[in-house]
Protein backbone atom coordinates (compact mmCIF):
# COMPACT_ATOMS: atom_id res chain seq x y z
CA MET A 1 135.40 91.53 -25.15
CA ALA A 2 132.63 90.65 -22.94
CA LYS A 3 131.79 87.05 -22.82
CA ALA A 4 127.99 86.29 -23.55
CA PRO A 5 126.15 85.53 -20.62
CA LEU A 6 124.80 81.80 -20.11
CA ALA A 7 121.32 81.09 -20.40
CA ASP A 8 119.25 80.95 -17.29
CA SER A 9 118.49 77.56 -16.06
CA ALA A 10 114.98 77.50 -16.68
CA THR A 11 115.42 78.09 -20.51
CA LEU A 12 118.43 75.20 -20.67
CA ARG A 13 115.37 73.16 -19.08
CA GLY A 14 113.28 73.96 -21.61
CA ALA A 15 115.36 73.22 -24.38
CA ALA A 16 116.26 69.77 -22.87
CA ASP A 17 112.63 69.15 -22.74
CA GLY A 18 112.49 69.76 -26.45
CA ARG A 19 110.80 73.40 -25.33
CA PRO A 20 112.01 76.89 -27.08
CA SER A 21 111.78 78.91 -23.49
CA ALA A 22 110.56 78.68 -20.12
CA SER A 23 107.22 78.75 -18.58
CA PRO A 24 105.80 79.28 -14.90
CA PRO A 25 106.18 76.18 -12.42
CA ALA A 26 102.63 75.52 -12.68
CA GLU A 27 102.14 75.63 -15.99
CA ARG A 28 105.13 73.74 -16.87
CA THR A 29 104.08 70.74 -14.46
CA SER A 30 100.27 70.52 -16.52
CA GLY A 31 102.03 71.07 -19.31
CA TYR A 32 104.39 67.87 -18.42
CA GLY A 33 101.52 65.67 -18.09
CA ARG A 34 99.63 66.89 -21.30
CA ALA A 35 103.18 66.30 -23.10
CA THR A 36 103.20 62.73 -21.57
CA VAL A 37 99.50 61.79 -22.51
CA ARG A 38 99.88 63.10 -25.78
CA ARG A 39 103.31 61.16 -26.64
CA TRP A 40 101.74 57.94 -25.06
CA ARG A 41 99.04 58.51 -27.02
CA ARG A 42 100.67 58.94 -30.80
CA LEU A 43 102.76 56.08 -29.77
CA ALA A 44 100.09 53.98 -29.28
CA ILE A 45 98.48 55.05 -32.44
CA GLY A 46 101.82 54.60 -34.22
CA THR A 47 101.99 51.15 -32.71
CA ALA A 48 98.52 50.31 -33.97
CA SER A 49 98.87 51.41 -37.37
CA LEU A 50 102.53 49.63 -37.90
CA VAL A 51 100.76 46.15 -37.25
CA VAL A 52 98.14 47.11 -39.59
CA VAL A 53 100.26 47.68 -42.27
CA GLY A 54 102.33 44.46 -41.24
CA VAL A 55 99.14 42.37 -41.49
CA VAL A 56 97.77 44.13 -45.17
CA ALA A 57 101.38 43.59 -46.35
CA ALA A 58 101.72 40.22 -45.38
CA GLY A 59 98.23 39.30 -46.99
CA ILE A 60 99.54 40.76 -50.74
CA GLY A 61 101.09 38.87 -52.79
CA PRO A 62 100.67 36.31 -55.91
CA VAL A 63 98.38 34.59 -53.67
CA GLY A 64 96.22 37.42 -51.75
CA ILE A 65 95.03 36.65 -48.56
CA PRO A 66 92.20 38.74 -46.48
CA PRO A 67 93.67 40.93 -43.86
CA VAL A 68 91.18 39.37 -41.10
CA THR A 69 92.24 36.03 -42.33
CA VAL A 70 96.14 36.91 -42.17
CA ALA A 71 95.36 38.06 -38.23
CA LYS A 72 93.66 35.00 -37.91
CA VAL A 73 96.44 32.56 -38.87
CA LEU A 74 99.12 34.53 -37.03
CA VAL A 75 97.38 34.44 -34.02
CA SER A 76 96.83 30.62 -34.28
CA HIS A 77 100.75 30.40 -33.97
CA PHE A 78 100.84 31.97 -30.54
CA PRO A 79 101.27 30.09 -27.45
CA LEU A 80 98.42 28.90 -25.60
CA VAL A 81 95.83 30.01 -28.70
CA ASP A 82 93.62 27.44 -29.98
CA LEU A 83 91.34 28.38 -33.05
CA ALA A 84 89.21 26.40 -35.51
CA GLN A 85 91.09 26.48 -38.82
CA ASP A 86 88.70 27.75 -41.62
CA TRP A 87 91.73 28.63 -44.09
CA PRO A 88 93.47 26.57 -46.81
CA GLU A 89 96.81 24.65 -45.31
CA ALA A 90 98.59 26.43 -48.16
CA TRP A 91 97.64 29.85 -46.91
CA ASP A 92 99.13 28.99 -43.35
CA THR A 93 102.47 27.92 -44.95
CA ILE A 94 102.77 31.20 -47.37
CA LEU A 95 101.82 33.35 -44.46
CA TRP A 96 104.00 31.62 -41.36
CA ASP A 97 106.87 30.27 -43.19
CA ILE A 98 107.61 33.03 -46.04
CA ARG A 99 105.69 36.10 -45.68
CA ALA A 100 105.48 36.78 -41.70
CA PRO A 101 109.22 36.12 -41.25
CA ARG A 102 109.85 38.67 -44.55
CA VAL A 103 107.76 41.32 -42.72
CA LEU A 104 109.02 41.07 -39.16
CA LEU A 105 112.76 41.47 -40.16
CA ALA A 106 111.52 44.31 -42.54
CA GLY A 107 109.92 45.83 -39.52
CA ILE A 108 112.88 45.29 -37.29
CA VAL A 109 115.52 46.64 -39.89
CA GLY A 110 113.41 49.45 -40.71
CA ALA A 111 112.86 50.73 -36.98
CA SER A 112 117.00 50.02 -36.37
CA LEU A 113 117.81 52.28 -39.09
CA ALA A 114 115.55 55.00 -38.27
CA VAL A 115 116.76 55.05 -34.43
CA SER A 116 120.25 54.77 -35.35
CA GLY A 117 119.76 57.93 -38.21
CA ALA A 118 117.86 59.80 -35.62
CA THR A 119 120.65 59.17 -33.09
CA TYR A 120 123.54 60.24 -35.36
CA GLN A 121 121.32 63.28 -36.59
CA GLY A 122 121.37 64.38 -32.86
CA MET A 123 124.75 63.60 -31.68
CA PHE A 124 126.15 65.15 -34.81
CA ARG A 125 123.83 68.05 -34.53
CA ASN A 126 123.40 67.52 -38.63
CA PRO A 127 119.96 66.76 -39.69
CA LEU A 128 121.47 65.45 -43.04
CA ALA A 129 123.59 62.83 -40.94
CA ASP A 130 122.45 58.96 -41.44
CA PRO A 131 123.41 55.53 -39.98
CA TYR A 132 125.92 54.92 -42.91
CA LEU A 133 128.04 58.29 -42.01
CA ILE A 134 130.74 56.76 -40.50
CA GLY A 135 131.65 53.49 -42.44
CA VAL A 136 129.00 50.92 -41.31
CA ALA A 137 127.98 50.52 -44.57
CA SER A 138 131.21 50.12 -46.60
CA GLY A 139 132.63 47.78 -43.87
CA ALA A 140 129.69 45.70 -44.11
CA GLY A 141 129.74 45.50 -47.63
CA LEU A 142 133.74 44.71 -47.55
CA GLY A 143 132.93 42.17 -45.32
CA ALA A 144 130.15 40.31 -47.05
CA THR A 145 132.14 40.55 -50.59
CA ILE A 146 134.90 38.93 -49.04
CA VAL A 147 132.68 35.90 -48.23
CA LEU A 148 131.05 35.81 -51.84
CA VAL A 149 133.99 36.01 -53.68
CA SER A 150 136.37 33.83 -51.78
CA GLY A 151 133.93 30.58 -52.07
CA ALA A 152 133.70 30.08 -48.43
CA PRO A 153 131.09 27.66 -47.34
CA ASN A 154 127.89 29.16 -46.29
CA GLN A 155 128.02 28.19 -42.80
CA VAL A 156 130.81 27.36 -40.13
CA PHE A 157 130.13 25.47 -37.38
CA GLY A 158 126.46 25.91 -37.63
CA VAL A 159 126.91 30.05 -37.94
CA SER A 160 126.04 31.64 -41.34
CA LEU A 161 129.04 33.14 -42.43
CA LEU A 162 127.97 36.11 -44.63
CA PRO A 163 126.22 38.21 -41.89
CA ALA A 164 128.75 37.54 -39.56
CA ALA A 165 131.51 38.68 -41.83
CA ALA A 166 129.25 41.76 -42.48
CA PHE A 167 128.72 42.56 -39.15
CA VAL A 168 132.75 41.94 -38.10
CA GLY A 169 133.50 44.44 -41.12
CA ALA A 170 131.04 47.23 -40.14
CA ILE A 171 132.15 47.18 -36.44
CA ILE A 172 136.13 47.39 -37.76
CA ALA A 173 135.26 50.52 -39.95
CA VAL A 174 133.59 52.26 -37.48
CA THR A 175 136.12 51.27 -34.49
CA THR A 176 138.91 52.31 -37.03
CA ALA A 177 137.14 55.74 -37.56
CA TYR A 178 137.02 56.15 -33.96
CA LEU A 179 140.37 55.23 -33.12
CA ILE A 180 141.69 57.30 -35.68
CA ALA A 181 139.41 60.42 -34.30
CA ARG A 182 140.16 59.99 -30.58
CA THR A 183 142.42 62.69 -28.92
CA SER A 184 143.56 63.28 -25.57
CA GLY A 185 141.21 65.57 -25.31
CA GLY A 186 137.97 63.97 -26.19
CA LEU A 187 136.47 62.90 -29.62
CA PRO A 188 136.10 65.80 -31.95
CA LEU A 189 132.65 65.08 -34.31
CA THR A 190 133.95 66.62 -37.31
CA THR A 191 137.32 64.73 -37.26
CA LEU A 192 135.18 61.74 -36.40
CA ILE A 193 133.13 62.08 -39.74
CA LEU A 194 136.08 62.52 -41.95
CA ALA A 195 137.84 59.80 -40.68
CA GLY A 196 134.54 57.80 -41.38
CA VAL A 197 134.34 59.25 -44.79
CA ALA A 198 138.15 58.17 -45.48
CA ILE A 199 137.69 54.63 -44.11
CA ALA A 200 134.30 54.08 -46.07
CA SER A 201 136.18 55.32 -49.35
CA LEU A 202 138.71 53.03 -48.72
CA ALA A 203 136.09 49.75 -48.36
CA SER A 204 134.37 50.65 -51.02
CA ALA A 205 137.37 50.59 -53.14
CA VAL A 206 138.89 47.13 -52.04
CA THR A 207 135.46 46.18 -52.51
CA ILE A 208 135.17 46.99 -56.03
CA LEU A 209 138.95 45.49 -56.75
CA LEU A 210 137.74 42.47 -55.22
CA MET A 211 134.68 41.95 -57.39
CA MET A 212 136.55 43.19 -60.36
CA ARG A 213 139.12 40.52 -59.76
CA SER A 214 137.00 37.68 -58.86
CA ASP A 215 136.04 35.31 -61.77
CA ALA A 216 132.93 34.36 -60.34
CA ASN A 217 129.22 35.68 -60.88
CA ILE A 218 129.19 39.24 -59.03
CA ARG A 219 125.16 39.27 -59.67
CA PRO A 220 125.17 37.93 -55.86
CA ILE A 221 127.17 40.73 -54.52
CA PHE A 222 124.88 43.41 -56.39
CA SER A 223 122.02 41.78 -54.75
CA TRP A 224 123.59 42.06 -51.12
CA LEU A 225 125.05 45.50 -51.60
CA LEU A 226 121.46 46.74 -52.61
CA GLY A 227 119.87 44.82 -49.64
CA GLY A 228 116.82 42.37 -49.79
CA PHE A 229 114.40 40.38 -47.76
CA ILE A 230 114.33 37.40 -49.75
CA SER A 231 116.00 34.82 -47.88
CA ALA A 232 114.49 35.98 -44.36
CA GLN A 233 114.02 33.62 -41.73
CA TRP A 234 112.56 33.55 -38.08
CA SER A 235 116.19 32.87 -36.60
CA HIS A 236 117.31 35.99 -38.98
CA SER A 237 114.68 38.13 -36.87
CA LEU A 238 115.84 36.69 -33.46
CA MET A 239 119.52 37.11 -34.18
CA VAL A 240 118.98 40.77 -35.17
CA LEU A 241 116.80 41.68 -32.10
CA ILE A 242 119.76 40.12 -29.59
CA TYR A 243 121.90 42.96 -30.66
CA VAL A 244 119.45 45.76 -31.35
CA THR A 245 117.04 45.36 -28.51
CA PRO A 246 119.78 46.15 -25.81
CA SER A 247 121.47 49.01 -27.98
CA VAL A 248 118.16 50.65 -28.93
CA LEU A 249 116.80 50.67 -25.09
CA VAL A 250 120.05 52.71 -24.55
CA VAL A 251 119.69 55.40 -27.16
CA MET A 252 116.01 55.78 -25.91
CA LEU A 253 117.14 56.29 -22.26
CA TYR A 254 119.35 59.11 -23.66
CA GLY A 255 116.85 61.02 -25.51
CA ARG A 256 116.52 63.75 -23.26
CA VAL A 257 120.29 63.94 -23.24
CA LEU A 258 120.24 64.10 -27.01
CA ASN A 259 117.86 67.06 -26.57
CA VAL A 260 120.37 68.87 -24.19
CA LEU A 261 123.03 67.76 -26.87
CA GLN A 262 121.47 70.32 -29.21
CA LEU A 263 122.71 73.21 -27.01
CA ASP A 264 126.46 73.77 -27.45
CA GLU A 265 128.84 71.73 -25.20
CA GLU A 266 129.13 74.37 -22.43
CA HIS A 267 125.70 74.82 -21.88
CA ALA A 268 125.47 70.79 -21.91
CA GLN A 269 128.08 70.54 -19.49
CA HIS A 270 126.16 73.19 -17.21
CA LEU A 271 123.24 70.57 -16.96
CA GLY A 272 125.59 67.80 -15.59
CA VAL A 273 126.09 65.97 -19.29
CA ASN A 274 129.43 64.58 -19.67
CA GLY A 275 129.70 64.92 -23.36
CA GLU A 276 132.51 63.12 -24.20
CA ARG A 277 131.06 59.92 -22.51
CA THR A 278 127.69 60.43 -24.01
CA LYS A 279 129.03 60.73 -27.56
CA ILE A 280 131.07 57.28 -27.02
CA VAL A 281 127.70 55.64 -25.78
CA LEU A 282 125.75 56.71 -28.65
CA LEU A 283 128.22 56.14 -31.04
CA VAL A 284 128.49 52.45 -30.10
CA ALA A 285 124.93 52.06 -29.48
CA ALA A 286 123.88 53.42 -33.10
CA SER A 287 126.71 51.78 -34.89
CA LEU A 288 125.97 48.16 -33.44
CA THR A 289 122.22 48.83 -34.40
CA THR A 290 123.22 49.64 -37.86
CA ALA A 291 125.55 46.64 -38.01
CA ALA A 292 123.31 44.42 -36.87
CA ALA A 293 120.32 45.66 -39.02
CA VAL A 294 122.06 45.51 -42.39
CA SER A 295 124.24 41.93 -41.62
CA PHE A 296 121.33 39.96 -42.70
CA THR A 297 119.77 42.02 -45.27
CA GLY A 298 122.07 44.07 -46.92
CA LEU A 299 122.77 47.81 -47.33
CA ILE A 300 119.19 49.63 -47.40
CA GLY A 301 119.82 53.14 -47.82
CA PHE A 302 117.90 56.38 -47.01
CA VAL A 303 115.66 54.96 -43.89
CA GLY A 304 117.61 56.27 -41.37
CA LEU A 305 117.09 59.90 -43.16
CA ILE A 306 113.80 59.91 -44.39
CA ALA A 307 111.83 58.31 -41.03
CA PRO A 308 113.38 60.80 -38.57
CA HIS A 309 112.71 63.71 -40.51
CA ALA A 310 109.14 62.48 -41.58
CA VAL A 311 108.88 62.28 -37.35
CA ARG A 312 110.52 65.62 -37.21
CA LEU A 313 108.50 67.63 -38.99
CA ILE A 314 105.26 66.20 -38.13
CA TRP A 315 105.62 65.91 -34.45
CA GLY A 316 108.75 68.23 -33.58
CA VAL A 317 112.15 67.78 -32.48
CA ASP A 318 112.04 66.37 -28.93
CA HIS A 319 113.86 62.85 -29.02
CA ARG A 320 111.98 61.84 -26.35
CA LEU A 321 109.41 61.35 -28.79
CA LEU A 322 111.40 61.64 -32.08
CA LEU A 323 113.27 58.09 -31.38
CA PRO A 324 110.29 55.84 -30.90
CA MET A 325 108.12 57.63 -33.49
CA ALA A 326 111.09 57.28 -35.87
CA ALA A 327 111.43 53.48 -35.26
CA LEU A 328 107.25 53.32 -36.09
CA VAL A 329 107.96 55.07 -38.96
CA GLY A 330 111.13 53.60 -40.18
CA ALA A 331 109.36 49.78 -39.61
CA ALA A 332 106.14 50.92 -41.70
CA PHE A 333 108.55 52.61 -44.55
CA LEU A 334 110.65 49.38 -44.66
CA ILE A 335 107.59 47.36 -44.83
CA LEU A 336 105.78 49.03 -47.58
CA ALA A 337 109.03 49.18 -49.61
CA ASP A 338 109.55 45.31 -49.47
CA LEU A 339 105.84 45.27 -50.74
CA VAL A 340 106.47 47.14 -53.59
CA ALA A 341 109.93 45.27 -54.05
CA ARG A 342 108.27 42.01 -54.19
CA THR A 343 105.23 42.82 -56.50
CA ALA A 344 106.13 45.67 -58.38
CA VAL A 345 107.60 43.27 -61.00
CA SER A 346 106.37 40.23 -60.28
CA PRO A 347 107.12 37.26 -60.53
CA ALA A 348 110.87 38.99 -60.40
CA GLU A 349 111.50 40.76 -57.58
CA LEU A 350 113.58 44.13 -56.98
CA PRO A 351 116.22 44.74 -54.42
CA VAL A 352 114.42 46.76 -51.51
CA GLY A 353 117.51 49.09 -51.69
CA VAL A 354 116.36 50.53 -55.24
CA VAL A 355 112.90 50.96 -53.88
CA THR A 356 114.19 53.39 -51.00
CA ALA A 357 116.50 54.84 -53.18
CA PHE A 358 113.87 55.94 -55.39
CA CYS A 359 111.76 57.56 -52.33
CA GLY A 360 114.84 58.66 -50.30
CA ALA A 361 116.82 60.65 -53.29
CA PRO A 362 113.90 62.98 -53.93
CA PHE A 363 113.43 63.78 -50.48
CA PHE A 364 117.00 64.09 -49.46
CA LEU A 365 117.16 66.87 -52.68
CA TYR A 366 114.05 68.20 -50.75
CA LEU A 367 115.90 68.42 -47.63
CA LEU A 368 119.02 69.92 -48.72
CA ARG A 369 116.95 72.59 -50.97
CA ARG A 370 114.76 73.52 -47.59
CA ARG A 371 117.62 73.69 -45.42
CA ARG A 372 119.38 76.17 -47.95
CA THR A 373 116.14 78.19 -48.31
CA VAL A 374 116.38 78.50 -44.24
CA ASN A 375 119.79 79.52 -44.33
CA MET A 376 119.54 82.34 -47.01
């Protein structure tokens, strides 16, 4: 049986650049310039929109604060900025000590989960993949549960034990799945998914067992498992950024490579992409990003599924734009979800995971229905 010919290099380059087919050289050159300008314009608009969302969200609560005043209060805390204070001191305390750290952490976590979700979807070539696909969530949940039911101190040598245990649990779960799936011939993605599902099921079972055998109040465990930002501090955002920033930068640099991975491995190798090394780099970066994001906030679902798909439906599949736009959309979405969580049943507060589930579950069902319709 004759082997199908490989696509020509122009077609492969077009796929790598997020375009379906090749075009003449002069048109392609001018098209690249226009596409670059469009990407930067969209990123600028997205960034500005995210800032507006953050400022508005910070001003909404039991004590309403106008957006202009919110901006002035926040800017007044910047170095070398000296603004005349014409707002109540209580507003300054509410914004700077309570709401601003919460909004910032929600934005960082939302962006991190969105980037991880887009990376997993591109790496596994599955639009229904999410950041928790290979056991990060269950591992983090088990680590946090062990701390909560053991009566361990809140801090050890000045380090908060709960987020550290969650982070370690997430990394152990992913590493175990990787070691199980790894073979001498490479890293089969299907085997990695199955290993991740098995590890996640085992970790979830152990978590439930610990909860059932615990004599303590299990409400803190449920609160952590459903996610929230009620205890957010500036230091939490700093700690998450230390881990997330380099990992996200690595993923962003692999945007074009993720485009190539949408082809089969033979075509990707023809374009000079080392598939096995790329999968390992992306797996480590995305998993580290997810583990750091959930370590301080608990398990918040659907962000890594909704944000990449929203970007993909509106702006296309080119990962060079998809990844940064997904970060902006994910950050804005989680800031708004947290706003609903802390205001919908005030003075009480909903877990953020409940709000994202109400949004994400119908969206997930829509994606399943749409995928089934396309494949028919």
